[in-house]
Amino acid sequence: MTCESYRKSGENMTEEKWDALCERLEEQYPELERYRENLEGEHAGFREVLEFEGPVGLMRVVRVSKPAVTGVEHHYSHRQGATASTEYKFSDTELSHKVHVYKEVDGDWQEMDAAGFTS
């Protein structure tokens, strides 16, 4: 399954899939560096980073985990000049995860297009 079809299928990067990916990369790239950073902010989470020398040079796989959005409330005002607002409700127990892959280009991290990956 390619990453593009993976994204289109609507599958999530579950904890089991992330662990399997980490294990596979650790076996394939013994010099892999793995660390975790806490994110700051009101609804902050954390990010897990894998850095290794891959087929296109130095690569970084980042999984950002934040509290999942459980609900959205829209507040409208019918008064002239007033603005609408949106309020998000976050879970205390569930996390949402996003995975990004980067390669180093001239000292900067450039996100790679998922269409070029296969698994």
PDB file of N, CA and C in Angstrom:
ATOM      1  N   MET A   1       0.849  -1.171   0.000  1.00  0.00           N
ATOM      2  CA  MET A   1       0.000   0.000   0.000  1.00  0.00           C
ATOM      3  C   MET A   1       0.892   1.232   0.000  1.00  0.00           C
ATOM      4  N   THR A   2       0.652   2.169  -0.895  1.00  0.00           N
ATOM      5  CA  THR A   2       1.429   3.399  -0.921  1.00  0.00           C
ATOM      6  C   THR A   2       0.891   4.355   0.125  1.00  0.00           C
ATOM      7  N   CYS A   3       1.700   5.358   0.494  1.00  0.00           N
ATOM      8  CA  CYS A   3       1.252   6.335   1.482  1.00  0.00           C
ATOM      9  C   CYS A   3       0.054   7.116   0.970  1.00  0.00           C
ATOM     10  N   GLU A   4       0.001   7.369  -0.340  1.00  0.00           N
ATOM     11  CA  GLU A   4      -1.131   8.115  -0.898  1.00  0.00           C
ATOM     12  C   GLU A   4      -2.430   7.324  -0.729  1.00  0.00           C
ATOM     13  N   SER A   5      -2.406   6.043  -1.037  1.00  0.00           N
ATOM     14  CA  SER A   5      -3.621   5.249  -0.859  1.00  0.00           C
ATOM     15  C   SER A   5      -3.929   5.079   0.624  1.00  0.00           C
ATOM     16  N   TYR A   6      -2.886   5.063   1.470  1.00  0.00           N
ATOM     17  CA  TYR A   6      -3.073   4.996   2.919  1.00  0.00           C
ATOM     18  C   TYR A   6      -3.835   6.226   3.398  1.00  0.00           C
ATOM     19  N   ARG A   7      -3.434   7.406   2.904  1.00  0.00           N
ATOM     20  CA  ARG A   7      -4.112   8.636   3.291  1.00  0.00           C
ATOM     21  C   ARG A   7      -5.544   8.667   2.777  1.00  0.00           C
ATOM     22  N   LYS A   8      -5.756   8.219   1.547  1.00  0.00           N
ATOM     23  CA  LYS A   8      -7.094   8.238   0.968  1.00  0.00           C
ATOM     24  C   LYS A   8      -8.030   7.259   1.654  1.00  0.00           C
ATOM     25  N   SER A   9      -7.473   6.190   2.225  1.00  0.00           N
ATOM     26  CA  SER A   9      -8.315   5.185   2.848  1.00  0.00           C
ATOM     27  C   SER A   9      -8.891   5.662   4.182  1.00  0.00           C
ATOM     28  N   GLY A  10      -8.336   6.757   4.723  1.00  0.00           N
ATOM     29  CA  GLY A  10      -8.846   7.298   5.971  1.00  0.00           C
ATOM     30  C   GLY A  10      -8.340   6.573   7.203  1.00  0.00           C
ATOM     31  N   GLU A  11      -7.351   5.692   7.047  1.00  0.00           N
ATOM     32  CA  GLU A  11      -6.798   4.983   8.195  1.00  0.00           C
ATOM     33  C   GLU A  11      -6.002   5.953   9.057  1.00  0.00           C
ATOM     34  N   ASN A  12      -5.960   5.693  10.340  1.00  0.00           N
ATOM     35  CA  ASN A  12      -5.205   6.521  11.263  1.00  0.00           C
ATOM     36  C   ASN A  12      -3.902   5.841  11.619  1.00  0.00           C
ATOM     37  N   MET A  13      -2.929   6.653  12.039  1.00  0.00           N
ATOM     38  CA  MET A  13      -1.665   6.119  12.515  1.00  0.00           C
ATOM     39  C   MET A  13      -1.878   5.726  13.973  1.00  0.00           C
ATOM     40  N   THR A  14      -2.303   4.488  14.168  1.00  0.00           N
ATOM     41  CA  THR A  14      -2.559   3.992  15.521  1.00  0.00           C
ATOM     42  C   THR A  14      -1.241   3.776  16.247  1.00  0.00           C
ATOM     43  N   GLU A  15      -1.330   3.567  17.542  1.00  0.00           N
ATOM     44  CA  GLU A  15      -0.144   3.322  18.354  1.00  0.00           C
ATOM     45  C   GLU A  15       0.603   2.078  17.861  1.00  0.00           C
ATOM     46  N   GLU A  16      -0.148   1.044  17.489  1.00  0.00           N
ATOM     47  CA  GLU A  16       0.468  -0.199  17.002  1.00  0.00           C
ATOM     48  C   GLU A  16       1.204   0.031  15.683  1.00  0.00           C
ATOM     49  N   LYS A  17       0.600   0.785  14.774  1.00  0.00           N
ATOM     50  CA  LYS A  17       1.249   1.063  13.483  1.00  0.00           C
ATOM     51  C   LYS A  17       2.492   1.923  13.675  1.00  0.00           C
ATOM     52  N   TRP A  18       2.408   2.896  14.585  1.00  0.00           N
ATOM     53  CA  TRP A  18       3.571   3.742  14.855  1.00  0.00           C
ATOM     54  C   TRP A  18       4.708   2.905  15.436  1.00  0.00           C
ATOM     55  N   ASP A  19       4.401   2.042  16.404  1.00  0.00           N
ATOM     56  CA  ASP A  19       5.429   1.183  16.993  1.00  0.00           C
ATOM     57  C   ASP A  19       6.053   0.259  15.944  1.00  0.00           C
ATOM     58  N   ALA A  20       5.227  -0.278  15.047  1.00  0.00           N
ATOM     59  CA  ALA A  20       5.749  -1.148  13.986  1.00  0.00           C
ATOM     60  C   ALA A  20       6.664  -0.367  13.049  1.00  0.00           C
ATOM     61  N   LEU A  21       6.273   0.861  12.714  1.00  0.00           N
ATOM     62  CA  LEU A  21       7.110   1.702  11.855  1.00  0.00           C
ATOM     63  C   LEU A  21       8.437   1.998  12.536  1.00  0.00           C
ATOM     64  N   CYS A  22       8.399   2.352  13.828  1.00  0.00           N
ATOM     65  CA  CYS A  22       9.627   2.642  14.578  1.00  0.00           C
ATOM     66  C   CYS A  22      10.552   1.430  14.621  1.00  0.00           C
ATOM     67  N   GLU A  23       9.988   0.262  14.888  1.00  0.00           N
ATOM     68  CA  GLU A  23      10.791  -0.960  14.936  1.00  0.00           C
ATOM     69  C   GLU A  23      11.435  -1.261  13.585  1.00  0.00           C
ATOM     70  N   ARG A  24      10.654  -1.106  12.514  1.00  0.00           N
ATOM     71  CA  ARG A  24      11.177  -1.375  11.170  1.00  0.00           C
ATOM     72  C   ARG A  24      12.311  -0.415  10.823  1.00  0.00           C
ATOM     73  N   LEU A  25      12.147   0.869  11.150  1.00  0.00           N
ATOM     74  CA  LEU A  25      13.194   1.847  10.857  1.00  0.00           C
ATOM     75  C   LEU A  25      14.423   1.622  11.733  1.00  0.00           C
ATOM     76  N   GLU A  26      14.231   1.232  13.008  1.00  0.00           N
ATOM     77  CA  GLU A  26      15.366   0.959  13.883  1.00  0.00           C
ATOM     78  C   GLU A  26      16.170  -0.240  13.404  1.00  0.00           C
ATOM     79  N   GLU A  27      15.498  -1.247  12.834  1.00  0.00           N
ATOM     80  CA  GLU A  27      16.197  -2.405  12.280  1.00  0.00           C
ATOM     81  C   GLU A  27      16.949  -2.028  11.006  1.00  0.00           C
ATOM     82  N   GLN A  28      16.326  -1.224  10.170  1.00  0.00           N
ATOM     83  CA  GLN A  28      16.904  -0.855   8.881  1.00  0.00           C
ATOM     84  C   GLN A  28      18.025   0.178   9.022  1.00  0.00           C
ATOM     85  N   TYR A  29      17.909   1.080  10.012  1.00  0.00           N
ATOM     86  CA  TYR A  29      18.885   2.152  10.206  1.00  0.00           C
ATOM     87  C   TYR A  29      19.372   2.138  11.652  1.00  0.00           C
ATOM     88  N   PRO A  30      20.435   1.380  11.953  1.00  0.00           N
ATOM     89  CA  PRO A  30      20.915   1.227  13.329  1.00  0.00           C
ATOM     90  C   PRO A  30      21.365   2.550  13.967  1.00  0.00           C
ATOM     91  N   GLU A  31      21.727   3.538  13.166  1.00  0.00           N
ATOM     92  CA  GLU A  31      22.185   4.826  13.692  1.00  0.00           C
ATOM     93  C   GLU A  31      21.030   5.777  13.961  1.00  0.00           C
ATOM     94  N   LEU A  32      19.804   5.289  13.897  1.00  0.00           N
ATOM     95  CA  LEU A  32      18.607   6.108  14.089  1.00  0.00           C
ATOM     96  C   LEU A  32      18.609   6.769  15.464  1.00  0.00           C
ATOM     97  N   GLU A  33      18.265   8.051  15.488  1.00  0.00           N
ATOM     98  CA  GLU A  33      18.136   8.785  16.754  1.00  0.00           C
ATOM     99  C   GLU A  33      16.648   9.016  17.009  1.00  0.00           C
ATOM    100  N   ARG A  34      16.189   8.685  18.202  1.00  0.00           N
ATOM    101  CA  ARG A  34      14.767   8.794  18.546  1.00  0.00           C
ATOM    102  C   ARG A  34      14.627   9.636  19.809  1.00  0.00           C
ATOM    103  N   TYR A  35      13.754  10.648  19.746  1.00  0.00           N
ATOM    104  CA  TYR A  35      13.507  11.465  20.932  1.00  0.00           C
ATOM    105  C   TYR A  35      12.084  11.998  20.927  1.00  0.00           C
ATOM    106  N   ARG A  36      11.683  12.532  22.077  1.00  0.00           N
ATOM    107  CA  ARG A  36      10.319  13.032  22.268  1.00  0.00           C
ATOM    108  C   ARG A  36      10.400  14.435  22.860  1.00  0.00           C
ATOM    109  N   GLU A  37       9.542  15.344  22.359  1.00  0.00           N
ATOM    110  CA  GLU A  37       9.508  16.719  22.840  1.00  0.00           C
ATOM    111  C   GLU A  37       8.082  17.081  23.225  1.00  0.00           C
ATOM    112  N   ASN A  38       7.936  17.804  24.328  1.00  0.00           N
ATOM    113  CA  ASN A  38       6.624  18.307  24.720  1.00  0.00           C
ATOM    114  C   ASN A  38       6.353  19.602  23.975  1.00  0.00           C
ATOM    115  N   LEU A  39       5.113  19.772  23.527  1.00  0.00           N
ATOM    116  CA  LEU A  39       4.703  20.986  22.843  1.00  0.00           C
ATOM    117  C   LEU A  39       4.079  21.933  23.850  1.00  0.00           C
ATOM    118  N   GLU A  40       4.220  23.217  23.605  1.00  0.00           N
ATOM    119  CA  GLU A  40       3.669  24.216  24.505  1.00  0.00           C
ATOM    120  C   GLU A  40       2.358  24.743  23.955  1.00  0.00           C
ATOM    121  N   GLY A  41       1.534  25.260  24.841  1.00  0.00           N
ATOM    122  CA  GLY A  41       0.270  25.833  24.426  1.00  0.00           C
ATOM    123  C   GLY A  41      -0.870  25.303  25.267  1.00  0.00           C
ATOM    124  N   GLU A  42      -2.057  25.874  25.052  1.00  0.00           N
ATOM    125  CA  GLU A  42      -3.224  25.518  25.851  1.00  0.00           C
ATOM    126  C   GLU A  42      -3.611  24.049  25.688  1.00  0.00           C
ATOM    127  N   HIS A  43      -3.640  23.561  24.482  1.00  0.00           N
ATOM    128  CA  HIS A  43      -4.000  22.164  24.222  1.00  0.00           C
ATOM    129  C   HIS A  43      -2.791  21.445  23.636  1.00  0.00           C
ATOM    130  N   ALA A  44      -1.672  21.618  24.291  1.00  0.00           N
ATOM    131  CA  ALA A  44      -0.418  21.074  23.787  1.00  0.00           C
ATOM    132  C   ALA A  44      -0.370  19.562  23.961  1.00  0.00           C
ATOM    133  N   GLY A  45       0.402  18.957  23.142  1.00  0.00           N
ATOM    134  CA  GLY A  45       0.631  17.525  23.219  1.00  0.00           C
ATOM    135  C   GLY A  45       2.123  17.279  23.220  1.00  0.00           C
ATOM    136  N   PHE A  46       2.545  16.381  22.372  1.00  0.00           N
ATOM    137  CA  PHE A  46       3.960  16.079  22.256  1.00  0.00           C
ATOM    138  C   PHE A  46       4.258  15.628  20.838  1.00  0.00           C
ATOM    139  N   ARG A  47       5.539  15.600  20.511  1.00  0.00           N
ATOM    140  CA  ARG A  47       5.938  15.067  19.212  1.00  0.00           C
ATOM    141  C   ARG A  47       7.082  14.098  19.403  1.00  0.00           C
ATOM    142  N   GLU A  48       7.027  13.027  18.632  1.00  0.00           N
ATOM    143  CA  GLU A  48       8.067  12.009  18.628  1.00  0.00           C
ATOM    144  C   GLU A  48       8.822  12.131  17.315  1.00  0.00           C
ATOM    145  N   VAL A  49      10.147  12.115  17.394  1.00  0.00           N
ATOM    146  CA  VAL A  49      10.973  12.360  16.227  1.00  0.00           C
ATOM    147  C   VAL A  49      11.938  11.200  16.030  1.00  0.00           C
ATOM    148  N   LEU A  50      12.038  10.747  14.779  1.00  0.00           N
ATOM    149  CA  LEU A  50      13.023   9.754  14.370  1.00  0.00           C
ATOM    150  C   LEU A  50      13.906  10.414  13.322  1.00  0.00           C
ATOM    151  N   GLU A  51      15.217  10.450  13.540  1.00  0.00           N
ATOM    152  CA  GLU A  51      16.152  11.018  12.568  1.00  0.00           C
ATOM    153  C   GLU A  51      17.145   9.937  12.168  1.00  0.00           C
ATOM    154  N   PHE A  52      17.404   9.850  10.856  1.00  0.00           N
ATOM    155  CA  PHE A  52      18.316   8.822  10.361  1.00  0.00           C
ATOM    156  C   PHE A  52      18.806   9.206   8.971  1.00  0.00           C
ATOM    157  N   GLU A  53      19.895   8.565   8.591  1.00  0.00           N
ATOM    158  CA  GLU A  53      20.454   8.751   7.246  1.00  0.00           C
ATOM    159  C   GLU A  53      19.750   7.764   6.329  1.00  0.00           C
ATOM    160  N   GLY A  54      18.849   8.262   5.495  1.00  0.00           N
ATOM    161  CA  GLY A  54      18.041   7.420   4.619  1.00  0.00           C
ATOM    162  C   GLY A  54      18.533   7.443   3.187  1.00  0.00           C
ATOM    163  N   PRO A  55      17.734   6.914   2.273  1.00  0.00           N
ATOM    164  CA  PRO A  55      18.143   6.817   0.867  1.00  0.00           C
ATOM    165  C   PRO A  55      18.291   8.177   0.174  1.00  0.00           C
ATOM    166  N   VAL A  56      17.674   9.228   0.717  1.00  0.00           N
ATOM    167  CA  VAL A  56      17.779  10.558   0.098  1.00  0.00           C
ATOM    168  C   VAL A  56      18.579  11.513   0.970  1.00  0.00           C
ATOM    169  N   GLY A  57      19.324  10.989   1.942  1.00  0.00           N
ATOM    170  CA  GLY A  57      20.102  11.819   2.851  1.00  0.00           C
ATOM    171  C   GLY A  57      19.503  11.781   4.243  1.00  0.00           C
ATOM    172  N   LEU A  58      19.786  12.828   5.019  1.00  0.00           N
ATOM    173  CA  LEU A  58      19.271  12.900   6.386  1.00  0.00           C
ATOM    174  C   LEU A  58      17.760  13.078   6.345  1.00  0.00           C
ATOM    175  N   MET A  59      17.047  12.211   7.065  1.00  0.00           N
ATOM    176  CA  MET A  59      15.581  12.222   7.058  1.00  0.00           C
ATOM    177  C   MET A  59      15.062  12.341   8.480  1.00  0.00           C
ATOM    178  N   ARG A  60      13.838  12.825   8.594  1.00  0.00           N
ATOM    179  CA  ARG A  60      13.174  12.979   9.892  1.00  0.00           C
ATOM    180  C   ARG A  60      11.716  12.562   9.741  1.00  0.00           C
ATOM    181  N   VAL A  61      11.270  11.657  10.610  1.00  0.00           N
ATOM    182  CA  VAL A  61       9.863  11.256  10.674  1.00  0.00           C
ATOM    183  C   VAL A  61       9.330  11.804  11.988  1.00  0.00           C
ATOM    184  N   VAL A  62       8.265  12.607  11.914  1.00  0.00           N
ATOM    185  CA  VAL A  62       7.723  13.278  13.089  1.00  0.00           C
ATOM    186  C   VAL A  62       6.265  12.893  13.259  1.00  0.00           C
ATOM    187  N   ARG A  63       5.908  12.438  14.461  1.00  0.00           N
ATOM    188  CA  ARG A  63       4.508  12.174  14.788  1.00  0.00           C
ATOM    189  C   ARG A  63       4.092  13.162  15.868  1.00  0.00           C
ATOM    190  N   VAL A  64       3.130  14.025  15.525  1.00  0.00           N
ATOM    191  CA  VAL A  64       2.611  15.022  16.463  1.00  0.00           C
ATOM    192  C   VAL A  64       1.325  14.474  17.060  1.00  0.00           C
ATOM    193  N   SER A  65       1.256  14.422  18.384  1.00  0.00           N
ATOM    194  CA  SER A  65       0.090  13.910  19.104  1.00  0.00           C
ATOM    195  C   SER A  65      -0.494  15.029  19.946  1.00  0.00           C
ATOM    196  N   LYS A  66      -1.779  15.296  19.724  1.00  0.00           N
ATOM    197  CA  LYS A  66      -2.487  16.343  20.462  1.00  0.00           C
ATOM    198  C   LYS A  66      -3.840  15.800  20.905  1.00  0.00           C
ATOM    199  N   PRO A  67      -4.462  16.439  21.910  1.00  0.00           N
ATOM    200  CA  PRO A  67      -5.797  16.000  22.312  1.00  0.00           C
ATOM    201  C   PRO A  67      -6.769  16.050  21.137  1.00  0.00           C
ATOM    202  N   ALA A  68      -7.579  15.009  21.004  1.00  0.00           N
ATOM    203  CA  ALA A  68      -8.531  14.917  19.902  1.00  0.00           C
ATOM    204  C   ALA A  68      -9.681  15.901  20.107  1.00  0.00           C
ATOM    205  N   VAL A  69     -10.158  16.459  19.008  1.00  0.00           N
ATOM    206  CA  VAL A  69     -11.318  17.352  19.047  1.00  0.00           C
ATOM    207  C   VAL A  69     -12.569  16.474  19.136  1.00  0.00           C
ATOM    208  N   THR A  70     -13.369  16.699  20.176  1.00  0.00           N
ATOM    209  CA  THR A  70     -14.575  15.886  20.364  1.00  0.00           C
ATOM    210  C   THR A  70     -15.839  16.623  19.968  1.00  0.00           C
ATOM    211  N   GLY A  71     -15.737  17.927  19.789  1.00  0.00           N
ATOM    212  CA  GLY A  71     -16.925  18.679  19.399  1.00  0.00           C
ATOM    213  C   GLY A  71     -16.569  20.096  18.990  1.00  0.00           C
ATOM    214  N   VAL A  72     -17.453  20.683  18.187  1.00  0.00           N
ATOM    215  CA  VAL A  72     -17.264  22.048  17.712  1.00  0.00           C
ATOM    216  C   VAL A  72     -18.582  22.784  17.907  1.00  0.00           C
ATOM    217  N   GLU A  73     -18.515  23.966  18.493  1.00  0.00           N
ATOM    218  CA  GLU A  73     -19.708  24.795  18.649  1.00  0.00           C
ATOM    219  C   GLU A  73     -19.473  26.114  17.937  1.00  0.00           C
ATOM    220  N   HIS A  74     -20.421  26.511  17.097  1.00  0.00           N
ATOM    221  CA  HIS A  74     -20.350  27.783  16.389  1.00  0.00           C
ATOM    222  C   HIS A  74     -21.289  28.757  17.079  1.00  0.00           C
ATOM    223  N   HIS A  75     -20.771  29.919  17.390  1.00  0.00           N
ATOM    224  CA  HIS A  75     -21.564  30.951  18.051  1.00  0.00           C
ATOM    225  C   HIS A  75     -21.736  32.111  17.063  1.00  0.00           C
ATOM    226  N   TYR A  76     -22.977  32.399  16.712  1.00  0.00           N
ATOM    227  CA  TYR A  76     -23.271  33.454  15.753  1.00  0.00           C
ATOM    228  C   TYR A  76     -23.932  34.624  16.459  1.00  0.00           C
ATOM    229  N   SER A  77     -23.677  35.789  15.942  1.00  0.00           N
ATOM    230  CA  SER A  77     -24.337  36.980  16.445  1.00  0.00           C
ATOM    231  C   SER A  77     -25.015  37.667  15.272  1.00  0.00           C
ATOM    232  N   HIS A  78     -26.245  38.048  15.466  1.00  0.00           N
ATOM    233  CA  HIS A  78     -26.981  38.701  14.386  1.00  0.00           C
ATOM    234  C   HIS A  78     -26.913  40.219  14.506  1.00  0.00           C
ATOM    235  N   ARG A  79     -26.062  40.700  15.398  1.00  0.00           N
ATOM    236  CA  ARG A  79     -25.891  42.141  15.543  1.00  0.00           C
ATOM    237  C   ARG A  79     -24.903  42.643  14.520  1.00  0.00           C
ATOM    238  N   GLN A  80     -25.150  43.860  14.055  1.00  0.00           N
ATOM    239  CA  GLN A  80     -24.279  44.455  13.060  1.00  0.00           C
ATOM    240  C   GLN A  80     -22.887  44.680  13.663  1.00  0.00           C
ATOM    241  N   GLY A  81     -21.862  44.295  12.936  1.00  0.00           N
ATOM    242  CA  GLY A  81     -20.487  44.499  13.373  1.00  0.00           C
ATOM    243  C   GLY A  81     -19.952  43.413  14.287  1.00  0.00           C
ATOM    244  N   ALA A  82     -20.809  42.530  14.764  1.00  0.00           N
ATOM    245  CA  ALA A  82     -20.360  41.445  15.630  1.00  0.00           C
ATOM    246  C   ALA A  82     -19.815  40.304  14.767  1.00  0.00           C
ATOM    247  N   THR A  83     -18.902  39.540  15.333  1.00  0.00           N
ATOM    248  CA  THR A  83     -18.309  38.430  14.584  1.00  0.00           C
ATOM    249  C   THR A  83     -18.764  37.091  15.142  1.00  0.00           C
ATOM    250  N   ALA A  84     -18.642  36.097  14.332  1.00  0.00           N
ATOM    251  CA  ALA A  84     -18.946  34.729  14.766  1.00  0.00           C
ATOM    252  C   ALA A  84     -17.706  34.144  15.419  1.00  0.00           C
ATOM    253  N   SER A  85     -17.906  33.171  16.289  1.00  0.00           N
ATOM    254  CA  SER A  85     -16.767  32.510  16.917  1.00  0.00           C
ATOM    255  C   SER A  85     -16.999  30.999  16.916  1.00  0.00           C
ATOM    256  N   THR A  86     -15.910  30.279  17.009  1.00  0.00           N
ATOM    257  CA  THR A  86     -15.966  28.823  17.032  1.00  0.00           C
ATOM    258  C   THR A  86     -15.274  28.340  18.292  1.00  0.00           C
ATOM    259  N   GLU A  87     -15.925  27.433  19.003  1.00  0.00           N
ATOM    260  CA  GLU A  87     -15.369  26.866  20.232  1.00  0.00           C
ATOM    261  C   GLU A  87     -15.154  25.371  20.023  1.00  0.00           C
ATOM    262  N   TYR A  88     -13.937  24.909  20.304  1.00  0.00           N
ATOM    263  CA  TYR A  88     -13.598  23.499  20.152  1.00  0.00           C
ATOM    264  C   TYR A  88     -13.577  22.834  21.523  1.00  0.00           C
ATOM    265  N   LYS A  89     -14.076  21.607  21.582  1.00  0.00           N
ATOM    266  CA  LYS A  89     -14.026  20.799  22.803  1.00  0.00           C
ATOM    267  C   LYS A  89     -12.986  19.702  22.576  1.00  0.00           C
ATOM    268  N   PHE A  90     -12.101  19.516  23.562  1.00  0.00           N
ATOM    269  CA  PHE A  90     -11.012  18.556  23.437  1.00  0.00           C
ATOM    270  C   PHE A  90     -11.175  17.420  24.431  1.00  0.00           C
ATOM    271  N   SER A  91     -10.730  16.248  24.031  1.00  0.00           N
ATOM    272  CA  SER A  91     -10.793  15.058  24.874  1.00  0.00           C
ATOM    273  C   SER A  91      -9.685  15.099  25.924  1.00  0.00           C
ATOM    274  N   ASP A  92     -10.000  14.596  27.103  1.00  0.00           N
ATOM    275  CA  ASP A  92      -8.991  14.474  28.158  1.00  0.00           C
ATOM    276  C   ASP A  92      -8.206  13.178  28.041  1.00  0.00           C
ATOM    277  N   THR A  93      -8.733  12.217  27.277  1.00  0.00           N
ATOM    278  CA  THR A  93      -8.108  10.901  27.218  1.00  0.00           C
ATOM    279  C   THR A  93      -7.632  10.504  25.823  1.00  0.00           C
ATOM    280  N   GLU A  94      -8.306  10.948  24.761  1.00  0.00           N
ATOM    281  CA  GLU A  94      -7.960  10.526  23.401  1.00  0.00           C
ATOM    282  C   GLU A  94      -7.015  11.518  22.744  1.00  0.00           C
ATOM    283  N   LEU A  95      -6.109  10.981  21.922  1.00  0.00           N
ATOM    284  CA  LEU A  95      -5.164  11.803  21.177  1.00  0.00           C
ATOM    285  C   LEU A  95      -5.381  11.626  19.684  1.00  0.00           C
ATOM    286  N   SER A  96      -5.098  12.667  18.920  1.00  0.00           N
ATOM    287  CA  SER A  96      -5.059  12.537  17.463  1.00  0.00           C
ATOM    288  C   SER A  96      -3.589  12.636  17.058  1.00  0.00           C
ATOM    289  N   HIS A  97      -3.224  11.923  16.011  1.00  0.00           N
ATOM    290  CA  HIS A  97      -1.818  11.841  15.598  1.00  0.00           C
ATOM    291  C   HIS A  97      -1.691  12.231  14.132  1.00  0.00           C
ATOM    292  N   LYS A  98      -0.642  12.979  13.829  1.00  0.00           N
ATOM    293  CA  LYS A  98      -0.303  13.306  12.445  1.00  0.00           C
ATOM    294  C   LYS A  98       1.162  12.969  12.239  1.00  0.00           C
ATOM    295  N   VAL A  99       1.459  12.340  11.117  1.00  0.00           N
ATOM    296  CA  VAL A  99       2.833  11.950  10.809  1.00  0.00           C
ATOM    297  C   VAL A  99       3.305  12.729   9.589  1.00  0.00           C
ATOM    298  N   HIS A 100       4.511  13.291   9.700  1.00  0.00           N
ATOM    299  CA  HIS A 100       5.125  14.032   8.610  1.00  0.00           C
ATOM    300  C   HIS A 100       6.526  13.473   8.386  1.00  0.00           C
ATOM    301  N   VAL A 101       6.967  13.465   7.130  1.00  0.00           N
ATOM    302  CA  VAL A 101       8.304  12.999   6.788  1.00  0.00           C
ATOM    303  C   VAL A 101       9.043  14.154   6.127  1.00  0.00           C
ATOM    304  N   TYR A 102      10.269  14.400   6.591  1.00  0.00           N
ATOM    305  CA  TYR A 102      11.071  15.505   6.091  1.00  0.00           C
ATOM    306  C   TYR A 102      12.421  14.981   5.615  1.00  0.00           C
ATOM    307  N   LYS A 103      13.030  15.722   4.704  1.00  0.00           N
ATOM    308  CA  LYS A 103      14.411  15.465   4.325  1.00  0.00           C
ATOM    309  C   LYS A 103      15.168  16.778   4.472  1.00  0.00           C
ATOM    310  N   GLU A 104      16.451  16.661   4.748  1.00  0.00           N
ATOM    311  CA  GLU A 104      17.264  17.857   4.920  1.00  0.00           C
ATOM    312  C   GLU A 104      17.752  18.330   3.556  1.00  0.00           C
ATOM    313  N   VAL A 105      17.494  19.595   3.262  1.00  0.00           N
ATOM    314  CA  VAL A 105      17.935  20.208   2.013  1.00  0.00           C
ATOM    315  C   VAL A 105      18.639  21.509   2.364  1.00  0.00           C
ATOM    316  N   ASP A 106      19.933  21.552   2.147  1.00  0.00           N
ATOM    317  CA  ASP A 106      20.751  22.742   2.430  1.00  0.00           C
ATOM    318  C   ASP A 106      20.559  23.252   3.854  1.00  0.00           C
ATOM    319  N   GLY A 107      20.519  22.354   4.823  1.00  0.00           N
ATOM    320  CA  GLY A 107      20.415  22.720   6.223  1.00  0.00           C
ATOM    321  C   GLY A 107      19.005  22.984   6.721  1.00  0.00           C
ATOM    322  N   ASP A 108      18.006  22.942   5.844  1.00  0.00           N
ATOM    323  CA  ASP A 108      16.609  23.145   6.236  1.00  0.00           C
ATOM    324  C   ASP A 108      15.831  21.856   6.055  1.00  0.00           C
ATOM    325  N   TRP A 109      14.773  21.685   6.862  1.00  0.00           N
ATOM    326  CA  TRP A 109      13.920  20.504   6.742  1.00  0.00           C
ATOM    327  C   TRP A 109      12.796  20.806   5.766  1.00  0.00           C
ATOM    328  N   GLN A 110      12.711  19.988   4.722  1.00  0.00           N
ATOM    329  CA  GLN A 110      11.682  20.124   3.687  1.00  0.00           C
ATOM    330  C   GLN A 110      10.759  18.919   3.748  1.00  0.00           C
ATOM    331  N   GLU A 111       9.437  19.177   3.866  1.00  0.00           N
ATOM    332  CA  GLU A 111       8.490  18.065   3.946  1.00  0.00           C
ATOM    333  C   GLU A 111       8.450  17.337   2.612  1.00  0.00           C
ATOM    334  N   MET A 112       8.445  16.018   2.707  1.00  0.00           N
ATOM    335  CA  MET A 112       8.439  15.189   1.497  1.00  0.00           C
ATOM    336  C   MET A 112       7.005  14.881   1.094  1.00  0.00           C
ATOM    337  N   ASP A 113       6.780  14.755  -0.198  1.00  0.00           N
ATOM    338  CA  ASP A 113       5.472  14.441  -0.740  1.00  0.00           C
ATOM    339  C   ASP A 113       5.190  12.950  -0.529  1.00  0.00           C
ATOM    340  N   ALA A 114       4.032  12.634   0.008  1.00  0.00           N
ATOM    341  CA  ALA A 114       3.692  11.249   0.308  1.00  0.00           C
ATOM    342  C   ALA A 114       3.506  10.410  -0.947  1.00  0.00           C
ATOM    343  N   ALA A 115       3.280  11.016  -2.089  1.00  0.00           N
ATOM    344  CA  ALA A 115       3.048  10.266  -3.318  1.00  0.00           C
ATOM    345  C   ALA A 115       4.269   9.431  -3.724  1.00  0.00           C
ATOM    346  N   GLY A 116       5.451   9.813  -3.254  1.00  0.00           N
ATOM    347  CA  GLY A 116       6.647   9.097  -3.635  1.00  0.00           C
ATOM    348  C   GLY A 116       7.006   7.918  -2.759  1.00  0.00           C
ATOM    349  N   PHE A 117       6.244   7.650  -1.712  1.00  0.00           N
ATOM    350  CA  PHE A 117       6.550   6.563  -0.785  1.00  0.00           C
ATOM    351  C   PHE A 117       5.817   5.298  -1.139  1.00  0.00           C
ATOM    352  N   THR A 118       6.431   4.189  -0.786  1.00  0.00           N
ATOM    353  CA  THR A 118       5.742   2.892  -0.834  1.00  0.00           C
ATOM    354  C   THR A 118       6.056   2.193   0.462  1.00  0.00           C
ATOM    355  N   SER A 119       5.157   1.311   0.890  1.00  0.00           N
ATOM    356  CA  SER A 119       5.425   0.564   2.121  1.00  0.00           C
ATOM    357  C   SER A 119       5.327  -0.911   1.862  1.00  0.00           C
TER     358      SER A 119
END
